[in-house]
C-alpha atoms as a PDB file:
ATOM      1  CA  UNK A   1      17.969  10.786  -9.402  1.00  0.00           C
ATOM      2  CA  UNK A   2      20.570   7.624  -9.033  1.00  0.00           C
ATOM      3  CA  UNK A   3      22.638   7.569  -5.734  1.00  0.00           C
ATOM      4  CA  UNK A   4      25.967   5.572  -6.458  1.00  0.00           C
ATOM      5  CA  UNK A   5      26.055   2.270  -4.405  1.00  0.00           C
ATOM      6  CA  UNK A   6      29.229   0.330  -3.607  1.00  0.00           C
ATOM      7  CA  UNK A   7      29.916  -2.433  -5.787  1.00  0.00           C
ATOM      8  CA  UNK A   8      30.080  -5.289  -2.771  1.00  0.00           C
ATOM      9  CA  UNK A   9      31.464  -8.551  -3.875  1.00  0.00           C
ATOM     10  CA  UNK A  10      28.873 -11.258  -3.740  1.00  0.00           C
ATOM     11  CA  UNK A  11      30.605 -14.580  -3.121  1.00  0.00           C
ATOM     12  CA  UNK A  12      27.511 -16.796  -3.270  1.00  0.00           C
ATOM     13  CA  UNK A  13      24.134 -16.948  -4.568  1.00  0.00           C
ATOM     14  CA  UNK A  14      20.717 -18.555  -3.493  1.00  0.00           C
ATOM     15  CA  UNK A  15      21.159 -21.330  -6.018  1.00  0.00           C
ATOM     16  CA  UNK A  16      24.456 -21.853  -4.880  1.00  0.00           C
ATOM     17  CA  UNK A  17      22.865 -22.607  -1.127  1.00  0.00           C
ATOM     18  CA  UNK A  18      21.087 -25.693  -3.036  1.00  0.00           C
ATOM     19  CA  UNK A  19      22.595 -29.043  -4.345  1.00  0.00           C
ATOM     20  CA  UNK A  20      22.376 -29.682  -7.856  1.00  0.00           C
ATOM     21  CA  UNK A  21      19.394 -32.030  -7.478  1.00  0.00           C
ATOM     22  CA  UNK A  22      17.462 -29.316  -5.409  1.00  0.00           C
ATOM     23  CA  UNK A  23      18.387 -26.757  -8.030  1.00  0.00           C
ATOM     24  CA  UNK A  24      17.405 -28.467 -11.003  1.00  0.00           C
ATOM     25  CA  UNK A  25      13.986 -29.350  -9.201  1.00  0.00           C
ATOM     26  CA  UNK A  26      13.254 -25.846  -8.463  1.00  0.00           C
ATOM     27  CA  UNK A  27      14.111 -24.361 -11.774  1.00  0.00           C
ATOM     28  CA  UNK A  28      12.000 -27.478 -13.815  1.00  0.00           C
ATOM     29  CA  UNK A  29       9.262 -26.195 -11.574  1.00  0.00           C
ATOM     30  CA  UNK A  30       9.663 -22.497 -12.479  1.00  0.00           C
ATOM     31  CA  UNK A  31       8.232 -20.509 -15.552  1.00  0.00           C
ATOM     32  CA  UNK A  32      10.497 -18.237 -17.532  1.00  0.00           C
ATOM     33  CA  UNK A  33       9.908 -14.750 -18.118  1.00  0.00           C
ATOM     34  CA  UNK A  34      11.554 -12.305 -20.410  1.00  0.00           C
ATOM     35  CA  UNK A  35      11.585  -8.749 -19.854  1.00  0.00           C
ATOM     36  CA  UNK A  36      12.465  -5.620 -21.685  1.00  0.00           C
ATOM     37  CA  UNK A  37      15.084  -2.883 -20.506  1.00  0.00           C
ATOM     38  CA  UNK A  38      13.345  -0.556 -17.938  1.00  0.00           C
ATOM     39  CA  UNK A  39      10.384  -2.804 -17.369  1.00  0.00           C
ATOM     40  CA  UNK A  40       9.444  -2.435 -13.870  1.00  0.00           C
ATOM     41  CA  UNK A  41       9.460  -6.260 -12.400  1.00  0.00           C
ATOM     42  CA  UNK A  42       7.978  -5.452  -9.028  1.00  0.00           C
ATOM     43  CA  UNK A  43       6.290  -2.487  -7.789  1.00  0.00           C
ATOM     44  CA  UNK A  44       6.909  -1.014  -4.268  1.00  0.00           C
ATOM     45  CA  UNK A  45       3.425  -1.828  -2.075  1.00  0.00           C
ATOM     46  CA  UNK A  46       2.745  -4.906  -4.947  1.00  0.00           C
ATOM     47  CA  UNK A  47       1.881  -8.395  -3.042  1.00  0.00           C
ATOM     48  CA  UNK A  48       3.641 -11.303  -4.881  1.00  0.00           C
ATOM     49  CA  UNK A  49       3.342 -14.877  -3.472  1.00  0.00           C
ATOM     50  CA  UNK A  50       6.273 -15.501  -5.700  1.00  0.00           C
ATOM     51  CA  UNK A  51      10.566 -15.708  -5.612  1.00  0.00           C
ATOM     52  CA  UNK A  52      12.086 -14.419  -9.006  1.00  0.00           C
ATOM     53  CA  UNK A  53      15.532 -15.897  -9.779  1.00  0.00           C
ATOM     54  CA  UNK A  54      17.517 -13.661 -12.479  1.00  0.00           C
ATOM     55  CA  UNK A  55      19.130 -16.150 -15.293  1.00  0.00           C
ATOM     56  CA  UNK A  56      20.583 -13.321 -17.199  1.00  0.00           C
ATOM     57  CA  UNK A  57      20.889  -9.584 -17.127  1.00  0.00           C
ATOM     58  CA  UNK A  58      20.865  -7.275 -14.575  1.00  0.00           C
ATOM     59  CA  UNK A  59      18.282  -5.323 -12.048  1.00  0.00           C
ATOM     60  CA  UNK A  60      18.117  -2.498  -9.920  1.00  0.00           C
ATOM     61  CA  UNK A  61      16.175  -2.290  -6.739  1.00  0.00           C
ATOM     62  CA  UNK A  62      14.936   1.127  -5.959  1.00  0.00           C
ATOM     63  CA  UNK A  63      12.817   3.379  -3.523  1.00  0.00           C
ATOM     64  CA  UNK A  64      11.257   6.378  -4.050  1.00  0.00           C
ATOM     65  CA  UNK A  65      11.710   9.187  -1.955  1.00  0.00           C
ATOM     66  CA  UNK A  66       9.606  12.346  -3.047  1.00  0.00           C
ATOM     67  CA  UNK A  67       9.743  12.468  -6.888  1.00  0.00           C
ATOM     68  CA  UNK A  68      13.209  10.889  -6.853  1.00  0.00           C
ATOM     69  CA  UNK A  69      13.914   7.077  -7.368  1.00  0.00           C
ATOM     70  CA  UNK A  70      17.280   6.217  -5.167  1.00  0.00           C
ATOM     71  CA  UNK A  71      18.971   3.041  -5.968  1.00  0.00           C
ATOM     72  CA  UNK A  72      19.625   0.793  -3.191  1.00  0.00           C
ATOM     73  CA  UNK A  73      21.379  -1.955  -5.331  1.00  0.00           C
ATOM     74  CA  UNK A  74      21.721  -4.344  -8.074  1.00  0.00           C
ATOM     75  CA  UNK A  75      21.164  -8.008  -8.636  1.00  0.00           C
ATOM     76  CA  UNK A  76      22.414  -9.957 -11.496  1.00  0.00           C
ATOM     77  CA  UNK A  77      22.774 -13.399 -12.683  1.00  0.00           C
ATOM     78  CA  UNK A  78      21.244 -16.015  -9.937  1.00  0.00           C
ATOM     79  CA  UNK A  79      20.262 -13.564  -7.262  1.00  0.00           C
ATOM     80  CA  UNK A  80      16.695 -13.381  -6.304  1.00  0.00           C
ATOM     81  CA  UNK A  81      14.330 -10.845  -5.548  1.00  0.00           C
ATOM     82  CA  UNK A  82      10.508 -11.107  -3.919  1.00  0.00           C
ATOM     83  CA  UNK A  83      12.033 -13.339  -1.369  1.00  0.00           C
ATOM     84  CA  UNK A  84      10.532 -11.274   1.708  1.00  0.00           C
ATOM     85  CA  UNK A  85       7.231 -10.918   0.315  1.00  0.00           C
ATOM     86  CA  UNK A  86       7.360 -14.493  -0.277  1.00  0.00           C
ATOM     87  CA  UNK A  87       8.291 -15.465   3.342  1.00  0.00           C
ATOM     88  CA  UNK A  88       5.992 -12.971   5.298  1.00  0.00           C
ATOM     89  CA  UNK A  89       2.978 -12.265   2.931  1.00  0.00           C
ATOM     90  CA  UNK A  90       3.821  -8.530   3.257  1.00  0.00           C
ATOM     91  CA  UNK A  91       3.936  -5.990   0.206  1.00  0.00           C
ATOM     92  CA  UNK A  92       7.153  -5.392  -1.575  1.00  0.00           C
ATOM     93  CA  UNK A  93       9.257  -2.709   0.133  1.00  0.00           C
ATOM     94  CA  UNK A  94      11.154  -1.581  -3.275  1.00  0.00           C
ATOM     95  CA  UNK A  95      10.673  -1.291  -7.192  1.00  0.00           C
ATOM     96  CA  UNK A  96      12.832  -3.900  -8.908  1.00  0.00           C
ATOM     97  CA  UNK A  97      13.623  -2.391 -12.725  1.00  0.00           C
ATOM     98  CA  UNK A  98      15.290  -4.344 -15.614  1.00  0.00           C
ATOM     99  CA  UNK A  99      18.676  -2.438 -16.389  1.00  0.00           C
ATOM    100  CA  UNK A 100      18.847  -4.407 -19.876  1.00  0.00           C
ATOM    101  CA  UNK A 101      16.792  -7.303 -21.229  1.00  0.00           C
ATOM    102  CA  UNK A 102      16.280  -9.755 -18.090  1.00  0.00           C
ATOM    103  CA  UNK A 103      15.548 -13.287 -18.158  1.00  0.00           C
ATOM    104  CA  UNK A 104      13.652 -14.617 -14.892  1.00  0.00           C
ATOM    105  CA  UNK A 105      12.485 -17.961 -13.314  1.00  0.00           C
ATOM    106  CA  UNK A 106       9.269 -17.301 -11.261  1.00  0.00           C
ATOM    107  CA  UNK A 107       9.007 -19.752  -8.325  1.00  0.00           C
ATOM    108  CA  UNK A 108       4.916 -19.321  -7.038  1.00  0.00           C
ATOM    109  CA  UNK A 109       3.967 -20.359  -3.449  1.00  0.00           C
ATOM    110  CA  UNK A 110       1.424 -22.676  -5.062  1.00  0.00           C
ATOM    111  CA  UNK A 111       4.098 -24.672  -6.982  1.00  0.00           C
ATOM    112  CA  UNK A 112       6.552 -24.610  -4.289  1.00  0.00           C
ATOM    113  CA  UNK A 113       3.852 -26.261  -2.259  1.00  0.00           C
ATOM    114  CA  UNK A 114       3.305 -29.327  -4.509  1.00  0.00           C
ATOM    115  CA  UNK A 115       7.172 -29.710  -4.812  1.00  0.00           C
ATOM    116  CA  UNK A 116       7.201 -30.070  -1.021  1.00  0.00           C
ATOM    117  CA  UNK A 117       4.214 -32.507  -1.131  1.00  0.00           C
ATOM    118  CA  UNK A 118       6.572 -34.742  -2.840  1.00  0.00           C
ATOM    119  CA  UNK A 119       9.782 -34.036  -0.876  1.00  0.00           C
ATOM    120  CA  UNK A 120       8.958 -33.038   2.380  1.00  0.00           C
ATOM    121  CA  UNK A 121      12.612 -32.933   3.157  1.00  0.00           C
ATOM    122  CA  UNK A 122      12.967 -30.417   0.527  1.00  0.00           C
ATOM    123  CA  UNK A 123      10.793 -27.671   2.564  1.00  0.00           C
ATOM    124  CA  UNK A 124      14.015 -27.334   4.886  1.00  0.00           C
ATOM    125  CA  UNK A 125      16.976 -27.121   2.400  1.00  0.00           C
ATOM    126  CA  UNK A 126      14.911 -24.728   0.600  1.00  0.00           C
ATOM    127  CA  UNK A 127      14.337 -22.322   3.296  1.00  0.00           C
ATOM    128  CA  UNK A 128      17.778 -23.406   4.938  1.00  0.00           C
ATOM    129  CA  UNK A 129      19.449 -21.486   1.417  1.00  0.00           C
ATOM    130  CA  UNK A 130      16.999 -18.796   1.557  1.00  0.00           C
ATOM    131  CA  UNK A 131      17.888 -18.002   5.285  1.00  0.00           C
ATOM    132  CA  UNK A 132      21.745 -18.029   4.136  1.00  0.00           C
ATOM    133  CA  UNK A 133      20.844 -15.593   1.409  1.00  0.00           C
ATOM    134  CA  UNK A 134      18.926 -13.292   3.367  1.00  0.00           C
ATOM    135  CA  UNK A 135      21.846 -13.294   6.114  1.00  0.00           C
ATOM    136  CA  UNK A 136      24.245 -12.273   3.399  1.00  0.00           C
ATOM    137  CA  UNK A 137      22.268  -9.418   2.322  1.00  0.00           C
ATOM    138  CA  UNK A 138      21.961  -8.315   5.757  1.00  0.00           C
ATOM    139  CA  UNK A 139      25.819  -8.286   6.318  1.00  0.00           C
ATOM    140  CA  UNK A 140      25.952  -6.520   3.129  1.00  0.00           C
ATOM    141  CA  UNK A 141      23.790  -3.983   4.020  1.00  0.00           C
ATOM    142  CA  UNK A 142      25.134  -3.726   7.584  1.00  0.00           C
ATOM    143  CA  UNK A 143      28.576  -3.246   5.862  1.00  0.00           C
ATOM    144  CA  UNK A 144      27.235  -0.494   3.174  1.00  0.00           C
ATOM    145  CA  UNK A 145      25.485   1.529   6.127  1.00  0.00           C
ATOM    146  CA  UNK A 146      28.866   1.313   8.020  1.00  0.00           C
ATOM    147  CA  UNK A 147      30.904   2.760   5.170  1.00  0.00           C
ATOM    148  CA  UNK A 148      28.320   5.702   4.473  1.00  0.00           C
ATOM    149  CA  UNK A 149      28.518   6.324   8.327  1.00  0.00           C
ATOM    150  CA  UNK A 150      31.839   6.506   8.293  1.00  0.00           C
ATOM    151  CA  UNK A 151      32.043   8.776   5.032  1.00  0.00           C
ATOM    152  CA  UNK A 152      29.542  11.125   7.085  1.00  0.00           C
ATOM    153  CA  UNK A 153      32.593  11.420   9.963  1.00  0.00           C
ATOM    154  CA  UNK A 154      35.453  12.088   7.651  1.00  0.00           C
END
């Protein structure tokens, strides 16, 4: 069972909040992963110390309630996932499933630590971009929740 989610217009992605130099540095230190359609890229409850950047394709973020997967959102080119676990070390809060062929860049914690050792100021710029991304997502989620509440009232 899939629940339709509004297609919220996204104006910026994580990479947009970084300078060209920082984007190039980050991507040069990532590893490329190719994924098949319907492949589970991240499983709810899994611990991963990495951030995943979608370079091509689209994924859906799902939570299972009972026996039914509920689609929370869709992510596409230059969107990220895995950032919450990356930040707090907790388990993934949802499944991420490839809708079609997906190319990812994966940045693990250890590699990021090496980059920061080379350029300590990168740490601030990286987490500033991450916080702006999370803020944008929270605003979109708030708008989505408000829309659903409004639909319930009508």
